[in-house]
């Protein structure tokens, strides 16, 4: 008798324990991958935010430093309180040298200056009844107070050209005549004259830096609203009086008077913060105080 046997083998599947183990392993791997991706993403976000904060801080500091460096000598001053600190200065609109200047108590109001044009031949024309002529300012009062007789309003501008106007380069001797509303108290040893017509104010308040423009006035204003936003996320602690704070304070601005061994300078200290991280920009801007 012949018996037939089957060569078919029994096929087996996964057991429940094996499936559970696979799911556990996949869960562990998924958690690890998720944490790795999340950590990498957070590092990228933190780096991007830190770079953005650095760029914003660098822009604000560079803009501020460049403007202060181009200010009329001895025009930088401070005001403020525990809520706002403002740094004010008068930017130079143009500078030139004069040949003659009216000095008190003379009744003369004519001032002869070298014709004002740049290297490209573009002639600068003062804005009549708007621009000021500044001669030999040695203190902030000389710049902001008309009673000092070192800042005078320009009421006319002419030359001996064909059109009798200093708006075009047609003068034969390169000399321009300015008519002023008063005479100066003292001449400049270097015969230097500055033209200006407004002030620039940088104010720190509510953890932000703002830029304001205002007219030249004896009293400085502490701006509590408005202005152009220049930077955010500031962490400076403002003192009640910015002019009498110690050198190690967190005030954003500090004006150091000149001494026998150095010029006056302005120190800016802007402290930026984000998520508990701090970034401090400290700069010293020297302005030649020989007017």
C-alpha atoms as a PDB file:
ATOM      1  CA  UNK A   1       0.000   0.000   0.000  1.00  0.00           C
ATOM      2  CA  UNK A   2       1.362   3.345  -0.929  1.00  0.00           C
ATOM      3  CA  UNK A   3       0.901   6.399   1.333  1.00  0.00           C
ATOM      4  CA  UNK A   4       0.956   9.926  -0.051  1.00  0.00           C
ATOM      5  CA  UNK A   5       2.595  12.593   2.140  1.00  0.00           C
ATOM      6  CA  UNK A   6       2.219  16.380   1.724  1.00  0.00           C
ATOM      7  CA  UNK A   7       5.280  18.576   1.406  1.00  0.00           C
ATOM      8  CA  UNK A   8       3.257  21.658   2.287  1.00  0.00           C
ATOM      9  CA  UNK A   9       4.580  23.379   5.382  1.00  0.00           C
ATOM     10  CA  UNK A  10       2.473  25.351   7.726  1.00  0.00           C
ATOM     11  CA  UNK A  11       2.790  29.176   7.310  1.00  0.00           C
ATOM     12  CA  UNK A  12       2.907  31.214  10.508  1.00  0.00           C
ATOM     13  CA  UNK A  13       2.137  35.020  11.041  1.00  0.00           C
ATOM     14  CA  UNK A  14       3.308  37.543  13.665  1.00  0.00           C
ATOM     15  CA  UNK A  15       2.274  36.955  17.175  1.00  0.00           C
ATOM     16  CA  UNK A  16       0.618  39.651  19.273  1.00  0.00           C
ATOM     17  CA  UNK A  17       3.751  40.075  21.367  1.00  0.00           C
ATOM     18  CA  UNK A  18       5.859  40.683  18.272  1.00  0.00           C
ATOM     19  CA  UNK A  19       3.426  43.288  16.984  1.00  0.00           C
ATOM     20  CA  UNK A  20       3.444  45.059  20.316  1.00  0.00           C
ATOM     21  CA  UNK A  21       7.243  45.062  20.403  1.00  0.00           C
ATOM     22  CA  UNK A  22       7.406  46.495  16.884  1.00  0.00           C
ATOM     23  CA  UNK A  23       4.967  49.256  17.820  1.00  0.00           C
ATOM     24  CA  UNK A  24       6.976  50.089  20.935  1.00  0.00           C
ATOM     25  CA  UNK A  25      10.221  50.275  18.951  1.00  0.00           C
ATOM     26  CA  UNK A  26       8.597  52.474  16.276  1.00  0.00           C
ATOM     27  CA  UNK A  27       7.204  54.755  18.972  1.00  0.00           C
ATOM     28  CA  UNK A  28      10.619  55.130  20.593  1.00  0.00           C
ATOM     29  CA  UNK A  29      12.272  55.858  17.238  1.00  0.00           C
ATOM     30  CA  UNK A  30       9.518  58.345  16.324  1.00  0.00           C
ATOM     31  CA  UNK A  31       9.926  60.200  19.611  1.00  0.00           C
ATOM     32  CA  UNK A  32      13.674  60.417  19.085  1.00  0.00           C
ATOM     33  CA  UNK A  33      13.322  61.680  15.536  1.00  0.00           C
ATOM     34  CA  UNK A  34      10.654  64.191  16.595  1.00  0.00           C
ATOM     35  CA  UNK A  35      12.844  65.529  19.369  1.00  0.00           C
ATOM     36  CA  UNK A  36      15.805  65.783  16.997  1.00  0.00           C
ATOM     37  CA  UNK A  37      13.767  67.683  14.407  1.00  0.00           C
ATOM     38  CA  UNK A  38      12.221  69.917  17.050  1.00  0.00           C
ATOM     39  CA  UNK A  39      15.631  70.650  18.571  1.00  0.00           C
ATOM     40  CA  UNK A  40      17.133  71.448  15.164  1.00  0.00           C
ATOM     41  CA  UNK A  41      14.199  73.671  14.278  1.00  0.00           C
ATOM     42  CA  UNK A  42      14.429  75.522  17.587  1.00  0.00           C
ATOM     43  CA  UNK A  43      18.158  76.035  17.137  1.00  0.00           C
ATOM     44  CA  UNK A  44      17.504  77.482  13.670  1.00  0.00           C
ATOM     45  CA  UNK A  45      14.772  79.772  15.024  1.00  0.00           C
ATOM     46  CA  UNK A  46      16.952  80.944  17.919  1.00  0.00           C
ATOM     47  CA  UNK A  47      19.871  81.612  15.595  1.00  0.00           C
ATOM     48  CA  UNK A  48      17.675  83.514  13.152  1.00  0.00           C
ATOM     49  CA  UNK A  49      16.150  85.622  15.934  1.00  0.00           C
ATOM     50  CA  UNK A  50      19.588  86.314  17.399  1.00  0.00           C
ATOM     51  CA  UNK A  51      20.882  87.405  13.985  1.00  0.00           C
ATOM     52  CA  UNK A  52      17.816  89.593  13.479  1.00  0.00           C
ATOM     53  CA  UNK A  53      18.368  91.207  16.869  1.00  0.00           C
ATOM     54  CA  UNK A  54      22.022  91.737  15.996  1.00  0.00           C
ATOM     55  CA  UNK A  55      21.142  93.328  12.647  1.00  0.00           C
ATOM     56  CA  UNK A  56      18.542  95.636  14.187  1.00  0.00           C
ATOM     57  CA  UNK A  57      20.905  96.663  16.960  1.00  0.00           C
ATOM     58  CA  UNK A  58      23.798  97.217  14.563  1.00  0.00           C
ATOM     59  CA  UNK A  59      21.631  99.340  12.259  1.00  0.00           C
ATOM     60  CA  UNK A  60      20.363 101.547  15.084  1.00  0.00           C
ATOM     61  CA  UNK A  61      23.824 102.011  16.594  1.00  0.00           C
ATOM     62  CA  UNK A  62      25.485 102.715  13.240  1.00  0.00           C
ATOM     63  CA  UNK A  63      22.804 105.227  12.223  1.00  0.00           C
ATOM     64  CA  UNK A  64      23.046 106.985  15.575  1.00  0.00           C
ATOM     65  CA  UNK A  65      26.839 107.068  15.549  1.00  0.00           C
ATOM     66  CA  UNK A  66      27.069 108.446  12.025  1.00  0.00           C
ATOM     67  CA  UNK A  67      24.607 111.225  12.732  1.00  0.00           C
ATOM     68  CA  UNK A  68      26.289 112.261  15.971  1.00  0.00           C
ATOM     69  CA  UNK A  69      29.692 112.304  14.264  1.00  0.00           C
ATOM     70  CA  UNK A  70      28.287 114.849  11.769  1.00  0.00           C
ATOM     71  CA  UNK A  71      26.902 117.202  14.428  1.00  0.00           C
ATOM     72  CA  UNK A  72      27.825 120.815  15.143  1.00  0.00           C
ATOM     73  CA  UNK A  73      30.600 120.819  17.780  1.00  0.00           C
ATOM     74  CA  UNK A  74      29.325 121.114  21.364  1.00  0.00           C
ATOM     75  CA  UNK A  75      25.689 120.657  20.320  1.00  0.00           C
ATOM     76  CA  UNK A  76      25.115 117.286  22.011  1.00  0.00           C
ATOM     77  CA  UNK A  77      22.987 117.407  25.161  1.00  0.00           C
ATOM     78  CA  UNK A  78      20.789 115.149  27.296  1.00  0.00           C
ATOM     79  CA  UNK A  79      17.461 115.369  29.048  1.00  0.00           C
ATOM     80  CA  UNK A  80      14.956 112.937  30.491  1.00  0.00           C
ATOM     81  CA  UNK A  81      13.583 111.166  33.513  1.00  0.00           C
ATOM     82  CA  UNK A  82      12.928 107.622  34.691  1.00  0.00           C
ATOM     83  CA  UNK A  83      10.544 107.070  31.781  1.00  0.00           C
ATOM     84  CA  UNK A  84      12.406 108.550  28.802  1.00  0.00           C
ATOM     85  CA  UNK A  85      15.957 109.615  27.929  1.00  0.00           C
ATOM     86  CA  UNK A  86      16.601 111.855  24.914  1.00  0.00           C
ATOM     87  CA  UNK A  87      19.890 112.679  23.224  1.00  0.00           C
ATOM     88  CA  UNK A  88      19.777 115.839  21.107  1.00  0.00           C
ATOM     89  CA  UNK A  89      22.247 117.347  18.647  1.00  0.00           C
ATOM     90  CA  UNK A  90      22.301 119.724  15.671  1.00  0.00           C
ATOM     91  CA  UNK A  91      23.378 118.091  12.395  1.00  0.00           C
ATOM     92  CA  UNK A  92      25.622 120.104  10.102  1.00  0.00           C
ATOM     93  CA  UNK A  93      23.743 121.056   6.946  1.00  0.00           C
ATOM     94  CA  UNK A  94      26.855 122.618   5.431  1.00  0.00           C
ATOM     95  CA  UNK A  95      30.174 123.997   6.615  1.00  0.00           C
ATOM     96  CA  UNK A  96      32.564 126.458   5.033  1.00  0.00           C
ATOM     97  CA  UNK A  97      35.091 129.186   5.854  1.00  0.00           C
ATOM     98  CA  UNK A  98      34.421 132.889   6.012  1.00  0.00           C
ATOM     99  CA  UNK A  99      36.546 135.848   4.949  1.00  0.00           C
ATOM    100  CA  UNK A 100      34.814 138.468   7.064  1.00  0.00           C
ATOM    101  CA  UNK A 101      32.282 138.290   9.884  1.00  0.00           C
ATOM    102  CA  UNK A 102      30.259 141.002  11.670  1.00  0.00           C
ATOM    103  CA  UNK A 103      31.134 141.196  15.373  1.00  0.00           C
ATOM    104  CA  UNK A 104      29.230 142.994  18.094  1.00  0.00           C
ATOM    105  CA  UNK A 105      28.636 145.865  18.605  1.00  0.00           C
ATOM    106  CA  UNK A 106      28.852 146.649  14.873  1.00  0.00           C
ATOM    107  CA  UNK A 107      25.669 147.324  12.934  1.00  0.00           C
ATOM    108  CA  UNK A 108      27.045 145.439   9.938  1.00  0.00           C
ATOM    109  CA  UNK A 109      25.113 142.290   9.001  1.00  0.00           C
ATOM    110  CA  UNK A 110      27.074 141.105   5.956  1.00  0.00           C
ATOM    111  CA  UNK A 111      29.229 137.992   6.109  1.00  0.00           C
ATOM    112  CA  UNK A 112      31.542 136.943   3.266  1.00  0.00           C
ATOM    113  CA  UNK A 113      32.005 133.172   2.975  1.00  0.00           C
ATOM    114  CA  UNK A 114      33.712 130.864   0.505  1.00  0.00           C
ATOM    115  CA  UNK A 115      31.233 129.728  -2.152  1.00  0.00           C
ATOM    116  CA  UNK A 116      29.599 126.511  -1.037  1.00  0.00           C
ATOM    117  CA  UNK A 117      29.848 123.707  -3.558  1.00  0.00           C
ATOM    118  CA  UNK A 118      30.854 120.052  -3.449  1.00  0.00           C
ATOM    119  CA  UNK A 119      33.461 118.200  -5.494  1.00  0.00           C
ATOM    120  CA  UNK A 120      30.886 117.632  -8.251  1.00  0.00           C
ATOM    121  CA  UNK A 121      30.247 121.344  -8.647  1.00  0.00           C
ATOM    122  CA  UNK A 122      26.827 121.292  -6.996  1.00  0.00           C
ATOM    123  CA  UNK A 123      26.229 124.606  -5.257  1.00  0.00           C
ATOM    124  CA  UNK A 124      24.608 124.678  -1.820  1.00  0.00           C
ATOM    125  CA  UNK A 125      22.136 127.469  -1.186  1.00  0.00           C
ATOM    126  CA  UNK A 126      21.034 128.293   2.361  1.00  0.00           C
ATOM    127  CA  UNK A 127      17.319 128.406   3.040  1.00  0.00           C
ATOM    128  CA  UNK A 128      16.637 132.073   3.739  1.00  0.00           C
ATOM    129  CA  UNK A 129      14.870 132.803   7.058  1.00  0.00           C
ATOM    130  CA  UNK A 130      15.165 129.140   7.951  1.00  0.00           C
ATOM    131  CA  UNK A 131      18.866 128.234   8.160  1.00  0.00           C
ATOM    132  CA  UNK A 132      21.231 129.456  10.860  1.00  0.00           C
ATOM    133  CA  UNK A 133      24.886 130.414  10.694  1.00  0.00           C
ATOM    134  CA  UNK A 134      26.898 129.177  13.688  1.00  0.00           C
ATOM    135  CA  UNK A 135      30.329 130.591  14.512  1.00  0.00           C
ATOM    136  CA  UNK A 136      32.622 129.385  17.289  1.00  0.00           C
ATOM    137  CA  UNK A 137      30.177 127.476  19.542  1.00  0.00           C
ATOM    138  CA  UNK A 138      32.058 126.398  22.682  1.00  0.00           C
ATOM    139  CA  UNK A 139      29.053 125.320  24.786  1.00  0.00           C
ATOM    140  CA  UNK A 140      25.571 123.959  24.145  1.00  0.00           C
ATOM    141  CA  UNK A 141      24.109 127.370  25.023  1.00  0.00           C
ATOM    142  CA  UNK A 142      26.084 128.861  22.146  1.00  0.00           C
ATOM    143  CA  UNK A 143      24.257 126.517  19.760  1.00  0.00           C
ATOM    144  CA  UNK A 144      20.714 126.627  21.134  1.00  0.00           C
ATOM    145  CA  UNK A 145      20.389 130.125  22.620  1.00  0.00           C
ATOM    146  CA  UNK A 146      20.203 133.133  20.314  1.00  0.00           C
ATOM    147  CA  UNK A 147      21.221 135.376  23.207  1.00  0.00           C
ATOM    148  CA  UNK A 148      24.733 133.971  22.991  1.00  0.00           C
ATOM    149  CA  UNK A 149      25.244 135.798  19.681  1.00  0.00           C
ATOM    150  CA  UNK A 150      27.016 132.790  18.206  1.00  0.00           C
ATOM    151  CA  UNK A 151      24.091 131.579  16.131  1.00  0.00           C
ATOM    152  CA  UNK A 152      22.349 133.948  13.715  1.00  0.00           C
ATOM    153  CA  UNK A 153      19.479 133.522  11.264  1.00  0.00           C
ATOM    154  CA  UNK A 154      20.381 133.871   7.569  1.00  0.00           C
ATOM    155  CA  UNK A 155      18.038 136.427   6.008  1.00  0.00           C
ATOM    156  CA  UNK A 156      19.580 136.686   2.521  1.00  0.00           C
ATOM    157  CA  UNK A 157      22.211 135.125   0.283  1.00  0.00           C
ATOM    158  CA  UNK A 158      23.758 136.702  -2.823  1.00  0.00           C
ATOM    159  CA  UNK A 159      26.931 136.927  -4.904  1.00  0.00           C
ATOM    160  CA  UNK A 160      28.274 139.172  -7.640  1.00  0.00           C
ATOM    161  CA  UNK A 161      27.162 136.811 -10.424  1.00  0.00           C
ATOM    162  CA  UNK A 162      24.826 137.572 -13.272  1.00  0.00           C
ATOM    163  CA  UNK A 163      21.703 136.723 -11.300  1.00  0.00           C
ATOM    164  CA  UNK A 164      22.865 138.165  -7.924  1.00  0.00           C
ATOM    165  CA  UNK A 165      21.859 134.889  -6.323  1.00  0.00           C
ATOM    166  CA  UNK A 166      23.987 132.223  -4.649  1.00  0.00           C
ATOM    167  CA  UNK A 167      21.799 129.472  -6.084  1.00  0.00           C
ATOM    168  CA  UNK A 168      24.042 129.068  -9.142  1.00  0.00           C
ATOM    169  CA  UNK A 169      27.767 128.872  -9.708  1.00  0.00           C
ATOM    170  CA  UNK A 170      28.258 132.132 -11.606  1.00  0.00           C
ATOM    171  CA  UNK A 171      30.302 134.082  -9.093  1.00  0.00           C
ATOM    172  CA  UNK A 172      33.597 135.466 -10.405  1.00  0.00           C
ATOM    173  CA  UNK A 173      35.573 135.481  -7.145  1.00  0.00           C
ATOM    174  CA  UNK A 174      34.018 132.457  -5.425  1.00  0.00           C
ATOM    175  CA  UNK A 175      32.731 134.516  -2.508  1.00  0.00           C
ATOM    176  CA  UNK A 176      29.125 134.535  -1.271  1.00  0.00           C
ATOM    177  CA  UNK A 177      27.564 137.254   0.857  1.00  0.00           C
ATOM    178  CA  UNK A 178      25.230 136.203   3.656  1.00  0.00           C
ATOM    179  CA  UNK A 179      22.960 138.687   5.386  1.00  0.00           C
ATOM    180  CA  UNK A 180      22.273 137.877   9.018  1.00  0.00           C
ATOM    181  CA  UNK A 181      19.793 139.089  11.592  1.00  0.00           C
ATOM    182  CA  UNK A 182      22.584 139.962  14.033  1.00  0.00           C
ATOM    183  CA  UNK A 183      26.312 140.128  14.652  1.00  0.00           C
ATOM    184  CA  UNK A 184      28.430 137.470  16.313  1.00  0.00           C
ATOM    185  CA  UNK A 185      30.009 137.753  19.723  1.00  0.00           C
ATOM    186  CA  UNK A 186      33.339 136.191  18.807  1.00  0.00           C
ATOM    187  CA  UNK A 187      35.199 135.133  15.695  1.00  0.00           C
ATOM    188  CA  UNK A 188      36.426 131.612  15.050  1.00  0.00           C
ATOM    189  CA  UNK A 189      40.226 131.191  15.221  1.00  0.00           C
ATOM    190  CA  UNK A 190      39.982 128.925  12.150  1.00  0.00           C
ATOM    191  CA  UNK A 191      37.388 131.196  10.450  1.00  0.00           C
ATOM    192  CA  UNK A 192      35.016 128.244  10.270  1.00  0.00           C
ATOM    193  CA  UNK A 193      31.236 128.588   9.920  1.00  0.00           C
ATOM    194  CA  UNK A 194      28.475 125.974  10.155  1.00  0.00           C
ATOM    195  CA  UNK A 195      24.984 126.097   8.662  1.00  0.00           C
ATOM    196  CA  UNK A 196      22.154 124.258  10.428  1.00  0.00           C
ATOM    197  CA  UNK A 197      18.411 124.526  10.766  1.00  0.00           C
ATOM    198  CA  UNK A 198      17.051 121.731  12.979  1.00  0.00           C
ATOM    199  CA  UNK A 199      17.844 119.214  15.673  1.00  0.00           C
ATOM    200  CA  UNK A 200      17.819 115.416  15.776  1.00  0.00           C
ATOM    201  CA  UNK A 201      16.657 113.616  18.914  1.00  0.00           C
ATOM    202  CA  UNK A 202      17.122 109.942  19.789  1.00  0.00           C
ATOM    203  CA  UNK A 203      14.831 108.924  22.640  1.00  0.00           C
ATOM    204  CA  UNK A 204      14.669 105.646  24.556  1.00  0.00           C
ATOM    205  CA  UNK A 205      11.284 104.893  26.106  1.00  0.00           C
ATOM    206  CA  UNK A 206       9.049 101.859  26.598  1.00  0.00           C
ATOM    207  CA  UNK A 207      11.946  99.533  25.694  1.00  0.00           C
ATOM    208  CA  UNK A 208      12.331 101.067  22.232  1.00  0.00           C
ATOM    209  CA  UNK A 209      14.463 103.664  20.427  1.00  0.00           C
ATOM    210  CA  UNK A 210      12.762 106.501  18.506  1.00  0.00           C
ATOM    211  CA  UNK A 211      14.116 109.265  16.280  1.00  0.00           C
ATOM    212  CA  UNK A 212      12.593 112.758  16.330  1.00  0.00           C
ATOM    213  CA  UNK A 213      13.329 115.991  14.493  1.00  0.00           C
ATOM    214  CA  UNK A 214      12.617 119.399  16.002  1.00  0.00           C
ATOM    215  CA  UNK A 215      13.548 123.044  15.676  1.00  0.00           C
ATOM    216  CA  UNK A 216      16.467 124.673  17.447  1.00  0.00           C
ATOM    217  CA  UNK A 217      15.260 125.920  20.836  1.00  0.00           C
ATOM    218  CA  UNK A 218      16.889 126.772  24.184  1.00  0.00           C
ATOM    219  CA  UNK A 219      14.820 124.187  26.087  1.00  0.00           C
ATOM    220  CA  UNK A 220      15.232 120.533  25.194  1.00  0.00           C
ATOM    221  CA  UNK A 221      12.109 118.382  24.906  1.00  0.00           C
ATOM    222  CA  UNK A 222      11.808 114.861  26.282  1.00  0.00           C
ATOM    223  CA  UNK A 223       9.564 113.236  23.674  1.00  0.00           C
ATOM    224  CA  UNK A 224       7.070 110.810  25.212  1.00  0.00           C
ATOM    225  CA  UNK A 225       5.261 109.895  21.983  1.00  0.00           C
ATOM    226  CA  UNK A 226       5.601 109.945  18.204  1.00  0.00           C
ATOM    227  CA  UNK A 227       8.845 109.716  16.294  1.00  0.00           C
ATOM    228  CA  UNK A 228      10.238 107.066  13.967  1.00  0.00           C
ATOM    229  CA  UNK A 229      10.800 103.646  15.512  1.00  0.00           C
ATOM    230  CA  UNK A 230      14.470 102.683  15.137  1.00  0.00           C
ATOM    231  CA  UNK A 231      14.810  99.607  17.364  1.00  0.00           C
ATOM    232  CA  UNK A 232      12.824  97.462  19.782  1.00  0.00           C
ATOM    233  CA  UNK A 233      13.559  94.981  22.603  1.00  0.00           C
ATOM    234  CA  UNK A 234      15.705  97.396  24.622  1.00  0.00           C
ATOM    235  CA  UNK A 235      16.389  96.540  28.252  1.00  0.00           C
ATOM    236  CA  UNK A 236      18.145  99.697  29.505  1.00  0.00           C
ATOM    237  CA  UNK A 237      17.228 100.764  33.026  1.00  0.00           C
ATOM    238  CA  UNK A 238      16.688 104.542  32.910  1.00  0.00           C
ATOM    239  CA  UNK A 239      17.794 106.720  35.805  1.00  0.00           C
ATOM    240  CA  UNK A 240      15.826 109.717  37.031  1.00  0.00           C
ATOM    241  CA  UNK A 241      18.459 112.159  35.762  1.00  0.00           C
ATOM    242  CA  UNK A 242      20.588 111.141  32.749  1.00  0.00           C
ATOM    243  CA  UNK A 243      23.076 113.957  33.389  1.00  0.00           C
ATOM    244  CA  UNK A 244      24.030 112.879  36.905  1.00  0.00           C
ATOM    245  CA  UNK A 245      23.984 109.070  36.676  1.00  0.00           C
ATOM    246  CA  UNK A 246      27.130 107.088  37.578  1.00  0.00           C
ATOM    247  CA  UNK A 247      29.374 105.782  34.823  1.00  0.00           C
ATOM    248  CA  UNK A 248      28.318 102.168  35.477  1.00  0.00           C
ATOM    249  CA  UNK A 249      24.604 102.835  35.019  1.00  0.00           C
ATOM    250  CA  UNK A 250      22.507 101.277  32.265  1.00  0.00           C
ATOM    251  CA  UNK A 251      21.529 104.620  30.757  1.00  0.00           C
ATOM    252  CA  UNK A 252      21.533 104.506  26.944  1.00  0.00           C
ATOM    253  CA  UNK A 253      23.381 107.826  26.527  1.00  0.00           C
ATOM    254  CA  UNK A 254      26.182 109.625  28.290  1.00  0.00           C
ATOM    255  CA  UNK A 255      27.920 112.885  27.355  1.00  0.00           C
ATOM    256  CA  UNK A 256      31.445 113.313  28.693  1.00  0.00           C
ATOM    257  CA  UNK A 257      32.846 116.839  28.721  1.00  0.00           C
ATOM    258  CA  UNK A 258      36.212 117.693  27.239  1.00  0.00           C
ATOM    259  CA  UNK A 259      39.335 117.773  29.370  1.00  0.00           C
ATOM    260  CA  UNK A 260      42.865 119.062  28.887  1.00  0.00           C
ATOM    261  CA  UNK A 261      43.935 115.683  27.501  1.00  0.00           C
ATOM    262  CA  UNK A 262      41.032 114.659  25.265  1.00  0.00           C
ATOM    263  CA  UNK A 263      38.011 115.871  23.325  1.00  0.00           C
ATOM    264  CA  UNK A 264      34.477 115.556  24.549  1.00  0.00           C
ATOM    265  CA  UNK A 265      32.723 112.393  23.479  1.00  0.00           C
ATOM    266  CA  UNK A 266      29.306 110.769  23.520  1.00  0.00           C
ATOM    267  CA  UNK A 267      28.887 107.226  24.776  1.00  0.00           C
ATOM    268  CA  UNK A 268      25.968 105.097  23.633  1.00  0.00           C
ATOM    269  CA  UNK A 269      25.020 101.899  25.457  1.00  0.00           C
ATOM    270  CA  UNK A 270      22.055 100.036  23.992  1.00  0.00           C
ATOM    271  CA  UNK A 271      21.110  96.768  25.695  1.00  0.00           C
ATOM    272  CA  UNK A 272      18.919  94.427  23.643  1.00  0.00           C
ATOM    273  CA  UNK A 273      17.187  91.359  25.043  1.00  0.00           C
ATOM    274  CA  UNK A 274      15.254  88.359  23.766  1.00  0.00           C
ATOM    275  CA  UNK A 275      14.122  85.267  25.686  1.00  0.00           C
ATOM    276  CA  UNK A 276      16.486  85.972  28.551  1.00  0.00           C
ATOM    277  CA  UNK A 277      19.508  86.637  26.309  1.00  0.00           C
ATOM    278  CA  UNK A 278      21.169  90.063  26.367  1.00  0.00           C
ATOM    279  CA  UNK A 279      23.231  91.820  23.723  1.00  0.00           C
ATOM    280  CA  UNK A 280      24.970  95.115  24.544  1.00  0.00           C
ATOM    281  CA  UNK A 281      26.285  97.650  22.034  1.00  0.00           C
ATOM    282  CA  UNK A 282      28.697 100.196  23.507  1.00  0.00           C
ATOM    283  CA  UNK A 283      30.194 102.924  21.347  1.00  0.00           C
ATOM    284  CA  UNK A 284      32.154 106.129  21.983  1.00  0.00           C
ATOM    285  CA  UNK A 285      31.670 108.849  19.384  1.00  0.00           C
ATOM    286  CA  UNK A 286      34.294 111.577  19.383  1.00  0.00           C
ATOM    287  CA  UNK A 287      33.347 114.940  17.945  1.00  0.00           C
ATOM    288  CA  UNK A 288      36.095 117.497  17.301  1.00  0.00           C
ATOM    289  CA  UNK A 289      35.278 120.255  19.795  1.00  0.00           C
ATOM    290  CA  UNK A 290      37.398 122.896  18.058  1.00  0.00           C
ATOM    291  CA  UNK A 291      34.726 124.991  16.346  1.00  0.00           C
END
